[in-house]
Amino acid sequence: MKKQFLRERECIHRDEDAPGEFFNGVFYVQALGRLKIDAAMSVANKVSPFFWVDAPHIMVWLCNDCAAELHLDDAPLSFVKSSRRQA
């Protein structure tokens, strides 16, 4: 059985101890795709880069403000977050 590795990316506000959550990389990429180009580039420039094809293996930590810009504040959180609580 192969081990599944998840990598983390984060917005620039994490170093400032801003409140935030982890989101599934696929939700993040889909949310970027729903924005106009300028808005999507603005948000994407705030997050550590990754290849979008790797999105299923990425967890993106977003502060509450960045999540709101992507309209992810009410989206389902990453499935890994719940398993981290149990670990």
PDB file of N, CA and C in Angstrom:
ATOM      1  N   MET A   1       0.843  -1.176   0.000  1.00  0.00           N
ATOM      2  CA  MET A   1       0.000   0.000   0.000  1.00  0.00           C
ATOM      3  C   MET A   1       0.891   1.243   0.000  1.00  0.00           C
ATOM      4  N   LYS A   2       0.615   2.172  -0.890  1.00  0.00           N
ATOM      5  CA  LYS A   2       1.389   3.399  -0.978  1.00  0.00           C
ATOM      6  C   LYS A   2       0.980   4.353   0.144  1.00  0.00           C
ATOM      7  N   LYS A   3       1.986   5.043   0.678  1.00  0.00           N
ATOM      8  CA  LYS A   3       1.685   6.087   1.645  1.00  0.00           C
ATOM      9  C   LYS A   3       1.280   7.340   0.880  1.00  0.00           C
ATOM     10  N   GLN A   4       0.294   8.027   1.395  1.00  0.00           N
ATOM     11  CA  GLN A   4      -0.125   9.266   0.759  1.00  0.00           C
ATOM     12  C   GLN A   4       0.493  10.437   1.515  1.00  0.00           C
ATOM     13  N   PHE A   5       1.214  11.245   0.799  1.00  0.00           N
ATOM     14  CA  PHE A   5       1.862  12.393   1.401  1.00  0.00           C
ATOM     15  C   PHE A   5       1.089  13.654   1.053  1.00  0.00           C
ATOM     16  N   LEU A   6       0.852  14.473   2.042  1.00  0.00           N
ATOM     17  CA  LEU A   6       0.211  15.763   1.833  1.00  0.00           C
ATOM     18  C   LEU A   6       1.229  16.846   2.153  1.00  0.00           C
ATOM     19  N   ARG A   7       1.272  17.841   1.301  1.00  0.00           N
ATOM     20  CA  ARG A   7       2.162  18.960   1.526  1.00  0.00           C
ATOM     21  C   ARG A   7       1.325  20.174   1.904  1.00  0.00           C
ATOM     22  N   GLU A   8       1.932  21.074   2.638  1.00  0.00           N
ATOM     23  CA  GLU A   8       1.224  22.267   3.079  1.00  0.00           C
ATOM     24  C   GLU A   8       1.762  23.501   2.385  1.00  0.00           C
ATOM     25  N   ARG A   9       0.853  24.392   2.059  1.00  0.00           N
ATOM     26  CA  ARG A   9       1.182  25.729   1.580  1.00  0.00           C
ATOM     27  C   ARG A   9       0.413  26.688   2.459  1.00  0.00           C
ATOM     28  N   GLU A  10       0.821  27.946   2.456  1.00  0.00           N
ATOM     29  CA  GLU A  10       0.165  28.898   3.355  1.00  0.00           C
ATOM     30  C   GLU A  10       0.185  30.299   2.770  1.00  0.00           C
ATOM     31  N   CYS A  11      -0.735  31.118   3.253  1.00  0.00           N
ATOM     32  CA  CYS A  11      -0.742  32.517   2.831  1.00  0.00           C
ATOM     33  C   CYS A  11       0.287  33.280   3.661  1.00  0.00           C
ATOM     34  N   ILE A  12       0.621  34.452   3.201  1.00  0.00           N
ATOM     35  CA  ILE A  12       1.670  35.245   3.838  1.00  0.00           C
ATOM     36  C   ILE A  12       1.298  35.713   5.236  1.00  0.00           C
ATOM     37  N   HIS A  13       0.046  35.630   5.600  1.00  0.00           N
ATOM     38  CA  HIS A  13      -0.405  36.124   6.904  1.00  0.00           C
ATOM     39  C   HIS A  13      -0.199  35.124   8.034  1.00  0.00           C
ATOM     40  N   ARG A  14       0.224  33.922   7.724  1.00  0.00           N
ATOM     41  CA  ARG A  14       0.420  32.919   8.771  1.00  0.00           C
ATOM     42  C   ARG A  14       1.533  33.324   9.727  1.00  0.00           C
ATOM     43  N   ASP A  15       2.576  33.964   9.212  1.00  0.00           N
ATOM     44  CA  ASP A  15       3.679  34.415  10.055  1.00  0.00           C
ATOM     45  C   ASP A  15       3.246  35.495  11.039  1.00  0.00           C
ATOM     46  N   GLU A  16       2.142  36.148  10.750  1.00  0.00           N
ATOM     47  CA  GLU A  16       1.626  37.212  11.615  1.00  0.00           C
ATOM     48  C   GLU A  16       0.661  36.671  12.666  1.00  0.00           C
ATOM     49  N   ASP A  17       0.563  35.341  12.769  1.00  0.00           N
ATOM     50  CA  ASP A  17      -0.341  34.682  13.724  1.00  0.00           C
ATOM     51  C   ASP A  17      -1.808  35.055  13.503  1.00  0.00           C
ATOM     52  N   ALA A  18      -2.174  35.291  12.274  1.00  0.00           N
ATOM     53  CA  ALA A  18      -3.573  35.573  11.954  1.00  0.00           C
ATOM     54  C   ALA A  18      -4.383  34.293  12.102  1.00  0.00           C
ATOM     55  N   PRO A  19      -5.640  34.398  12.527  1.00  0.00           N
ATOM     56  CA  PRO A  19      -6.479  33.191  12.606  1.00  0.00           C
ATOM     57  C   PRO A  19      -6.794  32.685  11.208  1.00  0.00           C
ATOM     58  N   GLY A  20      -6.828  31.370  11.062  1.00  0.00           N
ATOM     59  CA  GLY A  20      -7.117  30.790   9.761  1.00  0.00           C
ATOM     60  C   GLY A  20      -7.359  29.303   9.850  1.00  0.00           C
ATOM     61  N   GLU A  21      -7.510  28.677   8.706  1.00  0.00           N
ATOM     62  CA  GLU A  21      -7.824  27.250   8.616  1.00  0.00           C
ATOM     63  C   GLU A  21      -7.104  26.637   7.424  1.00  0.00           C
ATOM     64  N   PHE A  22      -7.010  25.314   7.434  1.00  0.00           N
ATOM     65  CA  PHE A  22      -6.511  24.575   6.283  1.00  0.00           C
ATOM     66  C   PHE A  22      -7.669  24.238   5.357  1.00  0.00           C
ATOM     67  N   PHE A  23      -7.406  24.363   4.057  1.00  0.00           N
ATOM     68  CA  PHE A  23      -8.383  24.015   3.042  1.00  0.00           C
ATOM     69  C   PHE A  23      -7.757  23.024   2.072  1.00  0.00           C
ATOM     70  N   ASN A  24      -8.564  22.167   1.542  1.00  0.00           N
ATOM     71  CA  ASN A  24      -8.133  21.226   0.524  1.00  0.00           C
ATOM     72  C   ASN A  24      -7.629  22.013  -0.677  1.00  0.00           C
ATOM     73  N   GLY A  25      -6.489  21.608  -1.235  1.00  0.00           N
ATOM     74  CA  GLY A  25      -5.904  22.305  -2.369  1.00  0.00           C
ATOM     75  C   GLY A  25      -6.828  22.382  -3.577  1.00  0.00           C
ATOM     76  N   VAL A  26      -7.657  21.371  -3.764  1.00  0.00           N
ATOM     77  CA  VAL A  26      -8.602  21.373  -4.889  1.00  0.00           C
ATOM     78  C   VAL A  26      -9.641  22.475  -4.697  1.00  0.00           C
ATOM     79  N   PHE A  27     -10.150  22.650  -3.467  1.00  0.00           N
ATOM     80  CA  PHE A  27     -11.110  23.726  -3.201  1.00  0.00           C
ATOM     81  C   PHE A  27     -10.478  25.085  -3.470  1.00  0.00           C
ATOM     82  N   TYR A  28      -9.207  25.224  -3.070  1.00  0.00           N
ATOM     83  CA  TYR A  28      -8.482  26.473  -3.280  1.00  0.00           C
ATOM     84  C   TYR A  28      -8.362  26.785  -4.778  1.00  0.00           C
ATOM     85  N   VAL A  29      -7.935  25.817  -5.565  1.00  0.00           N
ATOM     86  CA  VAL A  29      -7.760  26.026  -7.000  1.00  0.00           C
ATOM     87  C   VAL A  29      -9.109  26.318  -7.670  1.00  0.00           C
ATOM     88  N   GLN A  30     -10.147  25.611  -7.278  1.00  0.00           N
ATOM     89  CA  GLN A  30     -11.472  25.862  -7.844  1.00  0.00           C
ATOM     90  C   GLN A  30     -11.951  27.265  -7.504  1.00  0.00           C
ATOM     91  N   ALA A  31     -11.685  27.708  -6.272  1.00  0.00           N
ATOM     92  CA  ALA A  31     -12.095  29.051  -5.862  1.00  0.00           C
ATOM     93  C   ALA A  31     -11.335  30.115  -6.650  1.00  0.00           C
ATOM     94  N   LEU A  32     -10.050  29.890  -6.899  1.00  0.00           N
ATOM     95  CA  LEU A  32      -9.278  30.825  -7.730  1.00  0.00           C
ATOM     96  C   LEU A  32      -9.879  30.910  -9.124  1.00  0.00           C
ATOM     97  N   GLY A  33     -10.303  29.783  -9.660  1.00  0.00           N
ATOM     98  CA  GLY A  33     -10.871  29.740 -10.998  1.00  0.00           C
ATOM     99  C   GLY A  33     -12.181  30.486 -11.135  1.00  0.00           C
ATOM    100  N   ARG A  34     -12.881  30.697 -10.041  1.00  0.00           N
ATOM    101  CA  ARG A  34     -14.155  31.422 -10.084  1.00  0.00           C
ATOM    102  C   ARG A  34     -13.973  32.939 -10.030  1.00  0.00           C
ATOM    103  N   LEU A  35     -12.754  33.391  -9.709  1.00  0.00           N
ATOM    104  CA  LEU A  35     -12.498  34.827  -9.610  1.00  0.00           C
ATOM    105  C   LEU A  35     -12.097  35.406 -10.964  1.00  0.00           C
ATOM    106  N   LYS A  36     -12.229  36.720 -11.070  1.00  0.00           N
ATOM    107  CA  LYS A  36     -11.693  37.405 -12.244  1.00  0.00           C
ATOM    108  C   LYS A  36     -10.175  37.332 -12.172  1.00  0.00           C
ATOM    109  N   ILE A  37      -9.518  37.488 -13.304  1.00  0.00           N
ATOM    110  CA  ILE A  37      -8.069  37.266 -13.395  1.00  0.00           C
ATOM    111  C   ILE A  37      -7.299  38.118 -12.397  1.00  0.00           C
ATOM    112  N   ASP A  38      -7.584  39.404 -12.321  1.00  0.00           N
ATOM    113  CA  ASP A  38      -6.832  40.285 -11.416  1.00  0.00           C
ATOM    114  C   ASP A  38      -7.004  39.868  -9.960  1.00  0.00           C
ATOM    115  N   ALA A  39      -8.218  39.528  -9.568  1.00  0.00           N
ATOM    116  CA  ALA A  39      -8.472  39.105  -8.186  1.00  0.00           C
ATOM    117  C   ALA A  39      -7.791  37.769  -7.892  1.00  0.00           C
ATOM    118  N   ALA A  40      -7.842  36.850  -8.842  1.00  0.00           N
ATOM    119  CA  ALA A  40      -7.199  35.546  -8.658  1.00  0.00           C
ATOM    120  C   ALA A  40      -5.690  35.699  -8.523  1.00  0.00           C
ATOM    121  N   MET A  41      -5.089  36.544  -9.341  1.00  0.00           N
ATOM    122  CA  MET A  41      -3.645  36.769  -9.253  1.00  0.00           C
ATOM    123  C   MET A  41      -3.270  37.415  -7.926  1.00  0.00           C
ATOM    124  N   SER A  42      -4.100  38.313  -7.453  1.00  0.00           N
ATOM    125  CA  SER A  42      -3.837  38.970  -6.179  1.00  0.00           C
ATOM    126  C   SER A  42      -3.809  37.963  -5.031  1.00  0.00           C
ATOM    127  N   VAL A  43      -4.778  37.072  -4.990  1.00  0.00           N
ATOM    128  CA  VAL A  43      -4.836  36.062  -3.937  1.00  0.00           C
ATOM    129  C   VAL A  43      -3.722  35.034  -4.116  1.00  0.00           C
ATOM    130  N   ALA A  44      -3.519  34.568  -5.330  1.00  0.00           N
ATOM    131  CA  ALA A  44      -2.499  33.544  -5.583  1.00  0.00           C
ATOM    132  C   ALA A  44      -1.102  34.036  -5.210  1.00  0.00           C
ATOM    133  N   ASN A  45      -0.847  35.323  -5.369  1.00  0.00           N
ATOM    134  CA  ASN A  45       0.455  35.874  -5.009  1.00  0.00           C
ATOM    135  C   ASN A  45       0.681  35.899  -3.501  1.00  0.00           C
ATOM    136  N   LYS A  46      -0.361  35.691  -2.720  1.00  0.00           N
ATOM    137  CA  LYS A  46      -0.236  35.674  -1.260  1.00  0.00           C
ATOM    138  C   LYS A  46       0.010  34.273  -0.710  1.00  0.00           C
ATOM    139  N   VAL A  47      -0.034  33.263  -1.574  1.00  0.00           N
ATOM    140  CA  VAL A  47       0.073  31.868  -1.134  1.00  0.00           C
ATOM    141  C   VAL A  47       1.328  31.239  -1.716  1.00  0.00           C
ATOM    142  N   SER A  48       1.985  30.392  -0.913  1.00  0.00           N
ATOM    143  CA  SER A  48       3.167  29.672  -1.393  1.00  0.00           C
ATOM    144  C   SER A  48       2.803  28.938  -2.680  1.00  0.00           C
ATOM    145  N   PRO A  49       3.636  29.028  -3.698  1.00  0.00           N
ATOM    146  CA  PRO A  49       3.285  28.434  -4.994  1.00  0.00           C
ATOM    147  C   PRO A  49       3.341  26.910  -5.000  1.00  0.00           C
ATOM    148  N   PHE A  50       2.532  26.332  -5.869  1.00  0.00           N
ATOM    149  CA  PHE A  50       2.569  24.892  -6.143  1.00  0.00           C
ATOM    150  C   PHE A  50       1.941  24.664  -7.507  1.00  0.00           C
ATOM    151  N   PHE A  51       2.283  23.532  -8.103  1.00  0.00           N
ATOM    152  CA  PHE A  51       1.678  23.174  -9.381  1.00  0.00           C
ATOM    153  C   PHE A  51       0.233  22.768  -9.144  1.00  0.00           C
ATOM    154  N   TRP A  52      -0.673  23.307  -9.929  1.00  0.00           N
ATOM    155  CA  TRP A  52      -2.086  23.045  -9.710  1.00  0.00           C
ATOM    156  C   TRP A  52      -2.436  21.589  -9.881  1.00  0.00           C
ATOM    157  N   VAL A  53      -1.675  20.863 -10.666  1.00  0.00           N
ATOM    158  CA  VAL A  53      -1.939  19.435 -10.832  1.00  0.00           C
ATOM    159  C   VAL A  53      -1.700  18.691  -9.512  1.00  0.00           C
ATOM    160  N   ASP A  54      -0.910  19.267  -8.621  1.00  0.00           N
ATOM    161  CA  ASP A  54      -0.644  18.664  -7.315  1.00  0.00           C
ATOM    162  C   ASP A  54      -1.708  19.008  -6.273  1.00  0.00           C
ATOM    163  N   ALA A  55      -2.716  19.775  -6.634  1.00  0.00           N
ATOM    164  CA  ALA A  55      -3.719  20.250  -5.683  1.00  0.00           C
ATOM    165  C   ALA A  55      -4.328  19.147  -4.811  1.00  0.00           C
ATOM    166  N   PRO A  56      -4.593  17.944  -5.324  1.00  0.00           N
ATOM    167  CA  PRO A  56      -5.161  16.907  -4.454  1.00  0.00           C
ATOM    168  C   PRO A  56      -4.224  16.481  -3.314  1.00  0.00           C
ATOM    169  N   HIS A  57      -2.952  16.822  -3.435  1.00  0.00           N
ATOM    170  CA  HIS A  57      -1.968  16.433  -2.419  1.00  0.00           C
ATOM    171  C   HIS A  57      -1.506  17.623  -1.595  1.00  0.00           C
ATOM    172  N   ILE A  58      -2.229  18.735  -1.693  1.00  0.00           N
ATOM    173  CA  ILE A  58      -1.842  19.969  -1.016  1.00  0.00           C
ATOM    174  C   ILE A  58      -2.935  20.385  -0.051  1.00  0.00           C
ATOM    175  N   MET A  59      -2.500  20.877   1.099  1.00  0.00           N
ATOM    176  CA  MET A  59      -3.396  21.557   2.032  1.00  0.00           C
ATOM    177  C   MET A  59      -2.948  23.007   2.085  1.00  0.00           C
ATOM    178  N   VAL A  60      -3.880  23.922   1.908  1.00  0.00           N
ATOM    179  CA  VAL A  60      -3.550  25.341   1.882  1.00  0.00           C
ATOM    180  C   VAL A  60      -4.105  25.998   3.134  1.00  0.00           C
ATOM    181  N   TRP A  61      -3.186  26.587   3.931  1.00  0.00           N
ATOM    182  CA  TRP A  61      -3.613  27.340   5.102  1.00  0.00           C
ATOM    183  C   TRP A  61      -3.890  28.762   4.661  1.00  0.00           C
ATOM    184  N   LEU A  62      -5.104  29.233   4.923  1.00  0.00           N
ATOM    185  CA  LEU A  62      -5.491  30.597   4.580  1.00  0.00           C
ATOM    186  C   LEU A  62      -5.982  31.314   5.822  1.00  0.00           C
ATOM    187  N   CYS A  63      -5.557  32.559   5.986  1.00  0.00           N
ATOM    188  CA  CYS A  63      -6.118  33.368   7.067  1.00  0.00           C
ATOM    189  C   CYS A  63      -7.586  33.625   6.722  1.00  0.00           C
ATOM    190  N   ASN A  64      -8.333  34.085   7.687  1.00  0.00           N
ATOM    191  CA  ASN A  64      -9.764  34.301   7.465  1.00  0.00           C
ATOM    192  C   ASN A  64     -10.030  35.319   6.360  1.00  0.00           C
ATOM    193  N   ASP A  65      -9.171  36.350   6.259  1.00  0.00           N
ATOM    194  CA  ASP A  65      -9.373  37.374   5.223  1.00  0.00           C
ATOM    195  C   ASP A  65      -9.136  36.813   3.821  1.00  0.00           C
ATOM    196  N   CYS A  66      -8.057  36.036   3.658  1.00  0.00           N
ATOM    197  CA  CYS A  66      -7.781  35.440   2.339  1.00  0.00           C
ATOM    198  C   CYS A  66      -8.865  34.432   1.965  1.00  0.00           C
ATOM    199  N   ALA A  67      -9.337  33.667   2.940  1.00  0.00           N
ATOM    200  CA  ALA A  67     -10.421  32.718   2.677  1.00  0.00           C
ATOM    201  C   ALA A  67     -11.689  33.454   2.257  1.00  0.00           C
ATOM    202  N   ALA A  68     -11.945  34.618   2.872  1.00  0.00           N
ATOM    203  CA  ALA A  68     -13.124  35.401   2.504  1.00  0.00           C
ATOM    204  C   ALA A  68     -12.997  35.952   1.088  1.00  0.00           C
ATOM    205  N   GLU A  69     -11.768  36.361   0.688  1.00  0.00           N
ATOM    206  CA  GLU A  69     -11.559  36.845  -0.682  1.00  0.00           C
ATOM    207  C   GLU A  69     -11.896  35.765  -1.704  1.00  0.00           C
ATOM    208  N   LEU A  70     -11.652  34.511  -1.333  1.00  0.00           N
ATOM    209  CA  LEU A  70     -11.942  33.382  -2.219  1.00  0.00           C
ATOM    210  C   LEU A  70     -13.346  32.832  -2.017  1.00  0.00           C
ATOM    211  N   HIS A  71     -14.084  33.417  -1.089  1.00  0.00           N
ATOM    212  CA  HIS A  71     -15.425  32.948  -0.735  1.00  0.00           C
ATOM    213  C   HIS A  71     -15.370  31.509  -0.221  1.00  0.00           C
ATOM    214  N   LEU A  72     -14.301  31.191   0.498  1.00  0.00           N
ATOM    215  CA  LEU A  72     -14.147  29.858   1.083  1.00  0.00           C
ATOM    216  C   LEU A  72     -14.542  29.832   2.556  1.00  0.00           C
ATOM    217  N   ASP A  73     -14.989  30.955   3.085  1.00  0.00           N
ATOM    218  CA  ASP A  73     -15.293  30.994   4.503  1.00  0.00           C
ATOM    219  C   ASP A  73     -16.419  30.053   4.902  1.00  0.00           C
ATOM    220  N   ASP A  74     -17.239  29.627   3.943  1.00  0.00           N
ATOM    221  CA  ASP A  74     -18.304  28.674   4.259  1.00  0.00           C
ATOM    222  C   ASP A  74     -18.127  27.345   3.522  1.00  0.00           C
ATOM    223  N   ALA A  75     -16.985  27.154   2.854  1.00  0.00           N
ATOM    224  CA  ALA A  75     -16.723  25.906   2.122  1.00  0.00           C
ATOM    225  C   ALA A  75     -16.295  24.813   3.096  1.00  0.00           C
ATOM    226  N   PRO A  76     -16.435  23.567   2.707  1.00  0.00           N
ATOM    227  CA  PRO A  76     -15.982  22.474   3.570  1.00  0.00           C
ATOM    228  C   PRO A  76     -14.476  22.564   3.799  1.00  0.00           C
ATOM    229  N   LEU A  77     -14.064  22.360   5.033  1.00  0.00           N
ATOM    230  CA  LEU A  77     -12.648  22.380   5.345  1.00  0.00           C
ATOM    231  C   LEU A  77     -11.994  21.110   4.856  1.00  0.00           C
ATOM    232  N   SER A  78     -10.711  21.129   4.777  1.00  0.00           N
ATOM    233  CA  SER A  78      -9.966  19.971   4.297  1.00  0.00           C
ATOM    234  C   SER A  78     -10.283  18.748   5.143  1.00  0.00           C
ATOM    235  N   PHE A  79     -10.354  17.610   4.488  1.00  0.00           N
ATOM    236  CA  PHE A  79     -10.646  16.361   5.185  1.00  0.00           C
ATOM    237  C   PHE A  79      -9.552  16.009   6.187  1.00  0.00           C
ATOM    238  N   VAL A  80      -8.364  16.533   6.001  1.00  0.00           N
ATOM    239  CA  VAL A  80      -7.253  16.201   6.895  1.00  0.00           C
ATOM    240  C   VAL A  80      -7.403  16.907   8.231  1.00  0.00           C
ATOM    241  N   LYS A  81      -8.058  18.054   8.253  1.00  0.00           N
ATOM    242  CA  LYS A  81      -8.208  18.792   9.496  1.00  0.00           C
ATOM    243  C   LYS A  81      -8.901  17.936  10.556  1.00  0.00           C
ATOM    244  N   SER A  82      -9.957  17.261  10.179  1.00  0.00           N
ATOM    245  CA  SER A  82     -10.678  16.439  11.144  1.00  0.00           C
ATOM    246  C   SER A  82      -9.823  15.263  11.627  1.00  0.00           C
ATOM    247  N   SER A  83      -9.020  14.704  10.741  1.00  0.00           N
ATOM    248  CA  SER A  83      -8.181  13.577  11.162  1.00  0.00           C
ATOM    249  C   SER A  83      -7.031  14.048  12.043  1.00  0.00           C
ATOM    250  N   ARG A  84      -6.616  15.284  11.888  1.00  0.00           N
ATOM    251  CA  ARG A  84      -5.568  15.818  12.765  1.00  0.00           C
ATOM    252  C   ARG A  84      -6.072  15.945  14.192  1.00  0.00           C
ATOM    253  N   ARG A  85      -7.344  16.311  14.336  1.00  0.00           N
ATOM    254  CA  ARG A  85      -7.909  16.419  15.680  1.00  0.00           C
ATOM    255  C   ARG A  85      -7.903  15.072  16.386  1.00  0.00           C
ATOM    256  N   GLN A  86      -8.109  14.010  15.634  1.00  0.00           N
ATOM    257  CA  GLN A  86      -8.177  12.670  16.229  1.00  0.00           C
ATOM    258  C   GLN A  86      -6.794  12.135  16.565  1.00  0.00           C
ATOM    259  N   ALA A  87      -5.790  12.595  15.840  1.00  0.00           N
ATOM    260  CA  ALA A  87      -4.428  12.069  16.033  1.00  0.00           C
ATOM    261  C   ALA A  87      -3.803  12.552  17.319  1.00  0.00           C
TER     262      ALA A  87
END
